[in-house]
Amino acid sequence: MMENENSIKIEIVNLDHLIELSGNLDENIKIIETKFEVKIVLRSGNLVVIGDEENRELASKLINELLGLIATGEQLDKHKVMYSIGMALEGAEGKMKELLDEIICVTNRGAYVKPKTHGQKEYIKTIGEKDVTFGVGPAGTGKTYLAVAMAIKAFKNNEVNRIIITRPAVEAGESLGYLPGDLQNKITPYLRPLHDALNEILGAETYLKYKDRGLIEIAPLAYMRGRTLDNAFIILDEAQNTTGAQMRMFLTRFGFGSKVVINGDISQMDLQKGKKSGLQTALEVLSSVDDIGFIHFSERDVVRHGLVQKIILEYDKHDRKTEDKKRR
């Protein structure tokens, strides 16, 4: 990396790396230019970053970090670029590789399942260290998928004998009674995201084999009553839709050698008006218990379309304004 009076030259040793860095129609380069208020041009096969000293230094460090990731075989996408920019602006540049070095498991198609944000990395670390972990935050932060990946990892490492995943079957504006079919048909849509995650990671054939043998169980929360679950990895998803009694029942089900992950998003509660979420109560009651882990995700941890982060932020602003009006 060579520096002139108002520019920094970044030497490109591999043209394929430059193509990967640039993205479709130079999308990634344009994002970096906008965020750091610099101009990036190609001269004699090298990149030149032009701008004021602080901005061009930050942009150049970021570009070198991204090139380093690409050199290790990492595929660049818009989310990784945006997240790397966010870390650079917060003075935490250079940590993206450290984040992506963490591999949880490999999917049936050979893809690595890794944390994509520091919130996600802290989440999987906490799951590994604690017997009970609460993951709370907005949709799109990978709470369910990563919990399923950690469950599969524990199962394959013989740390647990089975995987149990459950959700409360709460009506979200539609009556279950009017849906076609028997009870199993009615509750299947509520459990579909869990089936999809297991199918993607294990492959349909392996998943069905484990399911038929009772090694993987996906069921509504009501089916957990009266059971004691030893040597199991137990995931409670959509926990914001539990009542206080349901949450208390669930938290007293797990036995020796078990690990529990409880996920939810308070902003997407489907309980009847006036009912308090069992997740809210649990967070208040159990906050001082050292052996329980609590991870709170933010919009920065959303790994869906970039616009989702903005939507979450705007809804949060609206909710705060509404609460302020109520207090007055």
Protein backbone atom coordinates (compact mmCIF):
# COMPACT_ATOMS: atom_id res chain seq x y z
CA MET A 1 0.00 0.00 0.00
CA MET A 2 1.61 3.25 -1.18
CA GLU A 3 0.52 6.73 -0.15
CA ASN A 4 0.73 10.07 -1.97
CA GLU A 5 -0.28 13.52 -0.74
CA ASN A 6 -4.03 12.97 -1.07
CA SER A 7 -4.32 9.34 -2.17
CA ILE A 8 -3.38 5.80 -1.21
CA LYS A 9 -2.54 3.10 -3.75
CA ILE A 10 -3.56 -0.47 -2.98
CA GLU A 11 -1.71 -3.05 -5.04
CA ILE A 12 -3.88 -5.77 -6.57
CA VAL A 13 -2.04 -9.05 -7.05
CA ASN A 14 -5.04 -11.10 -8.20
CA LEU A 15 -7.58 -9.81 -10.71
CA ASP A 16 -10.21 -12.32 -9.55
CA HIS A 17 -9.93 -10.86 -6.04
CA LEU A 18 -10.57 -7.39 -7.43
CA ILE A 19 -13.66 -8.63 -9.28
CA GLU A 20 -14.98 -10.24 -6.07
CA LEU A 21 -14.24 -7.07 -4.10
CA SER A 22 -16.00 -4.84 -6.61
CA GLY A 23 -19.25 -6.80 -6.61
CA ASN A 24 -21.99 -6.68 -9.22
CA LEU A 25 -21.67 -3.46 -11.27
CA ASP A 26 -19.06 -2.22 -8.75
CA GLU A 27 -21.77 -2.18 -6.05
CA ASN A 28 -19.34 -2.77 -3.17
CA ILE A 29 -16.92 -0.08 -4.33
CA LYS A 30 -19.75 2.44 -4.58
CA ILE A 31 -20.90 1.61 -1.04
CA ILE A 32 -17.38 2.16 0.33
CA GLU A 33 -17.06 5.44 -1.57
CA THR A 34 -20.36 6.72 -0.15
CA LYS A 35 -19.77 5.64 3.44
CA PHE A 36 -16.22 7.02 3.67
CA GLU A 37 -16.69 10.00 1.34
CA VAL A 38 -13.78 8.96 -0.88
CA LYS A 39 -13.20 8.29 -4.55
CA ILE A 40 -11.84 4.88 -5.60
CA VAL A 41 -10.35 4.52 -9.07
CA LEU A 42 -8.48 1.81 -10.97
CA ARG A 43 -5.05 2.86 -12.24
CA SER A 44 -2.55 0.51 -13.89
CA GLY A 45 -4.30 -2.51 -12.37
CA ASN A 46 -4.25 -1.10 -8.83
CA LEU A 47 -6.85 0.68 -6.72
CA VAL A 48 -6.28 4.29 -5.71
CA VAL A 49 -8.26 5.76 -2.80
CA ILE A 50 -8.62 9.56 -2.95
CA GLY A 51 -9.97 11.72 -0.14
CA ASP A 52 -9.06 13.45 3.09
CA GLU A 53 -6.45 11.71 5.23
CA GLU A 54 -8.67 10.07 7.88
CA ASN A 55 -11.29 8.82 5.43
CA ARG A 56 -8.86 7.42 2.89
CA GLU A 57 -6.91 5.66 5.68
CA LEU A 58 -10.09 3.99 6.98
CA ALA A 59 -11.30 3.07 3.50
CA SER A 60 -7.90 1.64 2.56
CA LYS A 61 -7.70 -0.47 5.71
CA LEU A 62 -11.18 -1.78 5.03
CA ILE A 63 -10.37 -2.67 1.42
CA ASN A 64 -7.24 -4.52 2.50
CA GLU A 65 -9.25 -6.42 5.11
CA LEU A 66 -11.84 -7.41 2.51
CA LEU A 67 -9.11 -8.48 0.08
CA GLY A 68 -7.62 -10.59 2.88
CA LEU A 69 -10.98 -12.30 3.43
CA ILE A 70 -11.33 -12.99 -0.28
CA ALA A 71 -7.82 -14.49 -0.37
CA THR A 72 -8.91 -17.06 2.25
CA GLY A 73 -11.76 -18.18 -0.02
CA GLU A 74 -14.49 -16.15 1.67
CA GLN A 75 -17.25 -15.00 -0.68
CA LEU A 76 -18.13 -11.34 -0.30
CA ASP A 77 -21.70 -10.13 -0.18
CA LYS A 78 -23.34 -6.80 0.55
CA HIS A 79 -24.02 -7.69 4.17
CA LYS A 80 -20.37 -8.51 4.90
CA VAL A 81 -19.28 -5.26 3.27
CA MET A 82 -21.82 -3.19 5.22
CA TYR A 83 -21.00 -4.91 8.51
CA SER A 84 -17.25 -4.45 7.95
CA ILE A 85 -17.85 -0.75 7.25
CA GLY A 86 -19.85 -0.43 10.47
CA MET A 87 -17.03 -1.98 12.49
CA ALA A 88 -14.43 0.21 10.78
CA LEU A 89 -16.40 3.36 11.61
CA GLU A 90 -16.56 2.22 15.23
CA GLY A 91 -12.80 1.68 15.37
CA ALA A 92 -13.03 -2.13 15.27
CA GLU A 93 -11.62 -2.69 11.80
CA GLY A 94 -9.69 -5.89 11.15
CA LYS A 95 -12.03 -8.15 13.17
CA MET A 96 -14.15 -9.56 10.36
CA LYS A 97 -11.78 -12.48 9.71
CA GLU A 98 -11.76 -13.34 13.42
CA LEU A 99 -15.56 -13.44 13.28
CA LEU A 100 -15.77 -15.64 10.17
CA ASP A 101 -13.15 -18.12 11.41
CA GLU A 102 -15.81 -19.59 13.75
CA ILE A 103 -17.41 -22.59 12.01
CA ILE A 104 -20.35 -24.24 13.78
CA CYS A 105 -21.07 -27.02 11.31
CA VAL A 106 -21.26 -27.81 7.60
CA THR A 107 -24.61 -28.09 5.80
CA ASN A 108 -25.67 -31.01 3.66
CA ARG A 109 -24.56 -29.00 0.60
CA GLY A 110 -21.10 -28.33 2.01
CA ALA A 111 -21.67 -24.72 3.09
CA TYR A 112 -20.16 -23.51 6.35
CA VAL A 113 -22.53 -22.28 9.04
CA LYS A 114 -20.78 -19.35 10.75
CA PRO A 115 -21.76 -16.31 12.78
CA LYS A 116 -22.04 -13.22 10.58
CA THR A 117 -22.06 -10.56 13.32
CA HIS A 118 -20.43 -10.16 16.72
CA GLY A 119 -23.86 -10.50 18.32
CA GLN A 120 -24.23 -13.89 16.67
CA LYS A 121 -20.72 -14.91 17.74
CA GLU A 122 -21.49 -13.99 21.35
CA TYR A 123 -24.74 -15.95 21.07
CA ILE A 124 -23.10 -19.21 19.99
CA LYS A 125 -20.33 -18.72 22.56
CA THR A 126 -22.91 -18.31 25.31
CA ILE A 127 -24.85 -21.38 24.14
CA GLY A 128 -21.61 -23.36 24.36
CA GLU A 129 -20.85 -22.14 27.88
CA LYS A 130 -24.26 -21.99 29.57
CA ASP A 131 -26.90 -24.66 30.20
CA VAL A 132 -29.68 -22.13 29.55
CA THR A 133 -29.44 -19.25 27.05
CA PHE A 134 -31.99 -16.59 26.17
CA GLY A 135 -31.65 -15.03 22.70
CA VAL A 136 -33.82 -11.94 22.41
CA GLY A 137 -34.05 -9.58 19.46
CA PRO A 138 -35.61 -8.71 16.11
CA ALA A 139 -36.42 -11.03 13.24
CA GLY A 140 -33.61 -11.87 10.86
CA THR A 141 -30.84 -12.07 13.45
CA GLY A 142 -30.35 -15.84 13.00
CA LYS A 143 -31.57 -16.84 16.45
CA THR A 144 -33.44 -19.96 15.33
CA TYR A 145 -31.07 -21.10 12.60
CA LEU A 146 -27.93 -20.79 14.75
CA ALA A 147 -29.61 -22.52 17.70
CA VAL A 148 -30.53 -25.42 15.40
CA ALA A 149 -26.94 -25.51 14.07
CA MET A 150 -25.58 -25.62 17.64
CA ALA A 151 -28.03 -28.41 18.49
CA ILE A 152 -26.87 -30.47 15.50
CA LYS A 153 -23.23 -29.85 16.44
CA ALA A 154 -23.87 -31.05 20.02
CA PHE A 155 -25.77 -34.10 18.73
CA LYS A 156 -23.03 -35.09 16.26
CA ASN A 157 -20.39 -34.63 19.00
CA ASN A 158 -22.39 -37.01 21.25
CA GLU A 159 -22.89 -34.25 23.82
CA VAL A 160 -26.65 -34.93 23.76
CA ASN A 161 -28.76 -37.91 22.71
CA ARG A 162 -31.56 -36.03 20.98
CA ILE A 163 -32.81 -32.67 19.80
CA ILE A 164 -36.19 -31.28 20.84
CA ILE A 165 -37.53 -28.08 19.27
CA THR A 166 -40.81 -26.51 20.29
CA ARG A 167 -42.96 -23.46 19.64
CA PRO A 168 -46.18 -22.19 21.18
CA ALA A 169 -48.99 -22.61 18.63
CA VAL A 170 -50.52 -19.16 19.04
CA GLU A 171 -53.07 -17.80 16.60
CA ALA A 172 -51.64 -14.75 14.80
CA GLY A 173 -54.86 -13.05 13.77
CA GLU A 174 -56.30 -16.26 12.30
CA SER A 175 -58.28 -18.98 14.00
CA LEU A 176 -56.73 -22.45 14.03
CA GLY A 177 -60.22 -23.92 14.08
CA TYR A 178 -60.95 -22.68 10.57
CA LEU A 179 -57.77 -24.13 9.07
CA PRO A 180 -58.26 -27.41 7.15
CA GLY A 181 -57.16 -30.83 8.42
CA ASP A 182 -56.56 -32.46 11.77
CA LEU A 183 -54.51 -30.99 14.64
CA GLN A 184 -51.20 -32.01 13.06
CA ASN A 185 -52.15 -30.29 9.80
CA LYS A 186 -53.19 -27.16 11.69
CA ILE A 187 -49.95 -26.78 13.65
CA THR A 188 -47.52 -27.72 10.83
CA PRO A 189 -47.30 -24.12 9.45
CA TYR A 190 -46.16 -22.88 12.89
CA LEU A 191 -43.30 -25.39 12.89
CA ARG A 192 -42.28 -25.05 9.21
CA PRO A 193 -39.25 -22.73 9.80
CA LEU A 194 -37.79 -25.36 12.14
CA HIS A 195 -38.27 -28.18 9.62
CA ASP A 196 -36.66 -25.98 6.95
CA ALA A 197 -33.57 -25.28 9.07
CA LEU A 198 -33.06 -28.97 9.88
CA ASN A 199 -33.60 -29.96 6.25
CA GLU A 200 -31.03 -27.43 5.05
CA ILE A 201 -28.33 -28.43 7.51
CA LEU A 202 -28.83 -32.20 7.70
CA GLY A 203 -30.42 -32.93 4.33
CA ALA A 204 -33.95 -34.26 3.98
CA GLU A 205 -33.01 -37.96 4.11
CA THR A 206 -30.91 -37.73 7.28
CA TYR A 207 -33.42 -35.44 8.97
CA LEU A 208 -36.31 -37.84 8.29
CA LYS A 209 -34.23 -40.80 9.52
CA TYR A 210 -33.43 -39.05 12.81
CA LYS A 211 -37.04 -37.86 13.13
CA ASP A 212 -38.47 -41.36 12.58
CA ARG A 213 -36.11 -42.76 15.22
CA GLY A 214 -37.20 -40.12 17.73
CA LEU A 215 -33.75 -38.51 17.84
CA ILE A 216 -35.18 -35.21 16.58
CA GLU A 217 -38.58 -34.04 17.74
CA ILE A 218 -40.47 -30.91 16.72
CA ALA A 219 -43.69 -30.31 18.61
CA PRO A 220 -45.99 -27.60 19.98
CA LEU A 221 -45.11 -26.37 23.46
CA ALA A 222 -48.25 -27.97 24.94
CA TYR A 223 -46.69 -31.39 24.26
CA MET A 224 -43.87 -30.65 26.71
CA ARG A 225 -46.11 -30.72 29.80
CA GLY A 226 -45.41 -33.57 32.20
CA ARG A 227 -42.12 -34.58 30.60
CA THR A 228 -38.57 -34.61 31.98
CA LEU A 229 -35.97 -34.24 29.27
CA ASP A 230 -32.49 -35.60 30.05
CA ASN A 231 -29.45 -35.48 27.73
CA ALA A 232 -31.29 -33.35 25.19
CA PHE A 233 -30.69 -30.09 23.34
CA ILE A 234 -33.99 -28.24 23.75
CA ILE A 235 -34.95 -25.12 21.79
CA LEU A 236 -38.00 -23.00 22.59
CA ASP A 237 -38.64 -20.74 19.61
CA GLU A 238 -41.04 -17.75 19.40
CA ALA A 239 -40.95 -17.60 23.19
CA GLN A 240 -42.61 -14.17 23.22
CA ASN A 241 -45.88 -16.04 22.59
CA THR A 242 -45.69 -18.08 25.79
CA THR A 243 -47.76 -17.20 28.83
CA GLY A 244 -46.10 -16.97 32.23
CA ALA A 245 -47.41 -20.43 33.15
CA GLN A 246 -46.14 -21.98 29.91
CA MET A 247 -42.67 -20.52 30.33
CA ARG A 248 -42.47 -21.71 33.92
CA MET A 249 -43.60 -25.18 32.83
CA PHE A 250 -41.00 -25.28 30.06
CA LEU A 251 -38.13 -24.12 32.27
CA THR A 252 -38.79 -26.98 34.69
CA ARG A 253 -38.78 -29.71 32.00
CA PHE A 254 -35.08 -30.14 31.32
CA GLY A 255 -33.05 -32.67 33.25
CA PHE A 256 -29.43 -33.77 33.63
CA GLY A 257 -27.10 -33.38 30.67
CA SER A 258 -29.49 -31.08 28.80
CA LYS A 259 -28.95 -27.69 27.21
CA VAL A 260 -31.73 -25.17 26.65
CA VAL A 261 -32.01 -22.23 24.22
CA ILE A 262 -34.98 -19.85 24.42
CA ASN A 263 -35.53 -17.39 21.56
CA GLY A 264 -38.00 -14.60 21.05
CA ASP A 265 -38.81 -11.14 19.77
CA ILE A 266 -40.92 -9.09 22.17
CA SER A 267 -41.99 -6.76 19.35
CA GLN A 268 -43.78 -9.63 17.56
CA MET A 269 -46.02 -10.88 20.35
CA ASP A 270 -49.30 -12.52 19.27
CA LEU A 271 -50.85 -13.03 22.72
CA GLN A 272 -54.27 -11.61 23.45
CA LYS A 273 -54.27 -7.94 24.43
CA GLY A 274 -53.50 -7.44 28.11
CA LYS A 275 -51.61 -10.74 28.53
CA LYS A 276 -47.97 -10.45 29.56
CA SER A 277 -45.46 -12.55 27.69
CA GLY A 278 -43.81 -15.37 29.61
CA LEU A 279 -40.56 -14.33 27.96
CA GLN A 280 -40.81 -10.84 29.46
CA THR A 281 -41.47 -12.29 32.90
CA ALA A 282 -38.59 -14.77 32.62
CA LEU A 283 -36.15 -12.01 31.64
CA GLU A 284 -37.19 -10.03 34.73
CA VAL A 285 -37.25 -12.95 37.18
CA LEU A 286 -34.07 -14.73 36.05
CA SER A 287 -31.82 -11.77 35.21
CA SER A 288 -29.70 -12.26 38.34
CA VAL A 289 -29.05 -15.99 37.82
CA ASP A 290 -25.37 -16.27 36.87
CA ASP A 291 -25.66 -19.68 35.21
CA ILE A 292 -28.15 -18.39 32.62
CA GLY A 293 -26.94 -16.51 29.54
CA PHE A 294 -28.77 -13.53 28.06
CA ILE A 295 -28.02 -12.27 24.55
CA HIS A 296 -29.83 -9.19 23.27
CA PHE A 297 -29.58 -8.76 19.50
CA SER A 298 -29.95 -5.38 17.79
CA GLU A 299 -30.74 -4.25 14.26
CA ARG A 300 -26.96 -4.47 13.57
CA ASP A 301 -27.27 -8.27 13.82
CA VAL A 302 -29.96 -8.54 11.14
CA VAL A 303 -28.61 -10.61 8.25
CA ARG A 304 -31.52 -10.18 5.85
CA HIS A 305 -31.98 -7.41 3.28
CA GLY A 306 -30.32 -4.17 4.43
CA LEU A 307 -33.69 -2.43 4.36
CA VAL A 308 -34.88 -4.70 7.20
CA GLN A 309 -32.46 -2.95 9.57
CA LYS A 310 -33.93 0.44 8.65
CA ILE A 311 -37.49 -0.85 9.08
CA ILE A 312 -36.66 -2.17 12.57
CA LEU A 313 -35.07 1.15 13.54
CA GLU A 314 -38.09 3.15 12.36
CA TYR A 315 -40.53 0.89 14.22
CA ASP A 316 -38.38 1.20 17.37
CA LYS A 317 -38.52 5.00 17.07
CA HIS A 318 -42.28 4.87 16.63
CA ASP A 319 -42.69 2.59 19.68
CA ARG A 320 -40.57 4.92 21.84
CA LYS A 321 -42.63 7.95 20.76
CA THR A 322 -45.85 6.08 21.56
CA GLU A 323 -44.54 5.10 25.02
CA ASP A 324 -43.46 8.69 25.72
CA LYS A 325 -46.96 9.95 24.85
CA LYS A 326 -48.54 7.40 27.20
CA ARG A 327 -46.35 8.57 30.09
CA ARG A 328 -47.36 12.22 29.70
